[in-house]
Amino acid sequence: MEGGEEGELPLEVEPRGTGVNKMTYWVATDLLSGDWKELPLITPDQVNASRSIKYLFTGDLDRQIYTNPHFKGK
């Protein structure tokens, strides 16, 4: 999903504007000249998993994340 294109969502993903997807978040690799990218919708399980992870993010938005506990997603 990118730029608001939802298409077919898995059952565990809450619709945009509700639950964990109440807000829309955007990121950029460069605040001055970078393009802003809308983050995809998430599941409640991803929120719970992310709360137990300490991770320093870089500018690569497509980089695979290797953590313990395992995080499904990028």
C-alpha atoms as a PDB file:
ATOM      1  CA  MET A   1       0.000   0.000   0.000  1.00  0.00           C
ATOM      2  CA  GLU A   2       1.317   3.353  -0.876  1.00  0.00           C
ATOM      3  CA  GLY A   3      -0.052   6.858  -1.058  1.00  0.00           C
ATOM      4  CA  GLY A   4      -3.529   5.913   0.173  1.00  0.00           C
ATOM      5  CA  GLU A   5      -4.101   2.959  -2.163  1.00  0.00           C
ATOM      6  CA  GLU A   6      -5.744   0.442   0.157  1.00  0.00           C
ATOM      7  CA  GLY A   7      -7.103  -2.186  -2.242  1.00  0.00           C
ATOM      8  CA  GLU A   8      -7.912  -5.488  -0.537  1.00  0.00           C
ATOM      9  CA  LEU A   9      -6.935  -5.407   3.154  1.00  0.00           C
ATOM     10  CA  PRO A  10      -6.384  -8.446   5.381  1.00  0.00           C
ATOM     11  CA  LEU A  11      -9.113  -8.919   8.007  1.00  0.00           C
ATOM     12  CA  GLU A  12      -6.848  -7.898  10.907  1.00  0.00           C
ATOM     13  CA  VAL A  13      -6.166  -4.425   9.400  1.00  0.00           C
ATOM     14  CA  GLU A  14      -8.526  -1.813  10.830  1.00  0.00           C
ATOM     15  CA  PRO A  15      -9.978   0.599   8.240  1.00  0.00           C
ATOM     16  CA  ARG A  16      -8.391   4.028   7.733  1.00  0.00           C
ATOM     17  CA  GLY A  17      -9.695   6.525  10.306  1.00  0.00           C
ATOM     18  CA  THR A  18     -10.469   3.925  12.997  1.00  0.00           C
ATOM     19  CA  GLY A  19      -8.575   2.096  15.750  1.00  0.00           C
ATOM     20  CA  VAL A  20      -4.796   1.958  15.278  1.00  0.00           C
ATOM     21  CA  ASN A  21      -5.210   3.571  11.845  1.00  0.00           C
ATOM     22  CA  LYS A  22      -7.101   6.605  13.142  1.00  0.00           C
ATOM     23  CA  MET A  23      -4.195   8.877  12.167  1.00  0.00           C
ATOM     24  CA  THR A  24      -2.180   8.943   8.935  1.00  0.00           C
ATOM     25  CA  TYR A  25       1.614   9.171   9.213  1.00  0.00           C
ATOM     26  CA  TRP A  26       4.112  10.395   6.625  1.00  0.00           C
ATOM     27  CA  VAL A  27       7.919  10.078   6.452  1.00  0.00           C
ATOM     28  CA  ALA A  28      10.707  11.605   4.398  1.00  0.00           C
ATOM     29  CA  THR A  29      14.382  10.788   4.086  1.00  0.00           C
ATOM     30  CA  ASP A  30      15.253  14.475   3.687  1.00  0.00           C
ATOM     31  CA  LEU A  31      13.114  17.198   5.275  1.00  0.00           C
ATOM     32  CA  LEU A  32      14.109  19.885   2.780  1.00  0.00           C
ATOM     33  CA  SER A  33      14.212  18.181  -0.588  1.00  0.00           C
ATOM     34  CA  GLY A  34      12.925  14.667   0.055  1.00  0.00           C
ATOM     35  CA  ASP A  35       9.626  13.280  -1.154  1.00  0.00           C
ATOM     36  CA  TRP A  36       7.105  12.504   1.576  1.00  0.00           C
ATOM     37  CA  LYS A  37       5.747   8.948   1.647  1.00  0.00           C
ATOM     38  CA  GLU A  38       2.562   7.842   3.410  1.00  0.00           C
ATOM     39  CA  LEU A  39       3.124   4.901   5.731  1.00  0.00           C
ATOM     40  CA  PRO A  40       0.891   1.860   5.109  1.00  0.00           C
ATOM     41  CA  LEU A  41      -1.989   0.820   7.347  1.00  0.00           C
ATOM     42  CA  ILE A  42      -0.991  -1.363  10.291  1.00  0.00           C
ATOM     43  CA  THR A  43      -2.488  -4.102  12.447  1.00  0.00           C
ATOM     44  CA  PRO A  44      -2.963  -4.101  16.227  1.00  0.00           C
ATOM     45  CA  ASP A  45      -0.437  -6.972  16.400  1.00  0.00           C
ATOM     46  CA  GLN A  46       2.202  -4.762  14.736  1.00  0.00           C
ATOM     47  CA  VAL A  47       1.569  -2.019  17.316  1.00  0.00           C
ATOM     48  CA  ASN A  48       1.974  -4.498  20.184  1.00  0.00           C
ATOM     49  CA  ALA A  49       5.178  -5.950  18.695  1.00  0.00           C
ATOM     50  CA  SER A  50       6.673  -2.511  18.047  1.00  0.00           C
ATOM     51  CA  ARG A  51       6.230  -1.477  21.695  1.00  0.00           C
ATOM     52  CA  SER A  52       8.810  -4.057  22.793  1.00  0.00           C
ATOM     53  CA  ILE A  53      11.419  -3.157  20.135  1.00  0.00           C
ATOM     54  CA  LYS A  54      14.219  -0.621  20.552  1.00  0.00           C
ATOM     55  CA  TYR A  55      15.557   0.224  17.093  1.00  0.00           C
ATOM     56  CA  LEU A  56      17.370   3.136  15.484  1.00  0.00           C
ATOM     57  CA  PHE A  57      15.945   3.877  12.042  1.00  0.00           C
ATOM     58  CA  THR A  58      17.931   5.128   9.056  1.00  0.00           C
ATOM     59  CA  GLY A  59      16.805   6.910   5.901  1.00  0.00           C
ATOM     60  CA  ASP A  60      16.098   3.678   3.995  1.00  0.00           C
ATOM     61  CA  LEU A  61      12.322   3.187   4.196  1.00  0.00           C
ATOM     62  CA  ASP A  62      12.429  -0.164   2.366  1.00  0.00           C
ATOM     63  CA  ARG A  63      15.088  -1.759   4.588  1.00  0.00           C
ATOM     64  CA  GLN A  64      14.222  -5.079   6.232  1.00  0.00           C
ATOM     65  CA  ILE A  65      14.110  -4.860  10.037  1.00  0.00           C
ATOM     66  CA  TYR A  66      15.753  -7.692  12.011  1.00  0.00           C
ATOM     67  CA  THR A  67      14.674  -7.615  15.651  1.00  0.00           C
ATOM     68  CA  ASN A  68      13.964  -9.801  18.630  1.00  0.00           C
ATOM     69  CA  PRO A  69      11.004 -10.221  18.993  1.00  0.00           C
ATOM     70  CA  HIS A  70      10.380 -10.632  15.278  1.00  0.00           C
ATOM     71  CA  PHE A  71       8.580  -7.735  13.541  1.00  0.00           C
ATOM     72  CA  LYS A  72       6.568  -8.518  10.413  1.00  0.00           C
ATOM     73  CA  GLY A  73       6.961  -5.605   8.070  1.00  0.00           C
ATOM     74  CA  LYS A  74       9.361  -2.899   7.006  1.00  0.00           C
END
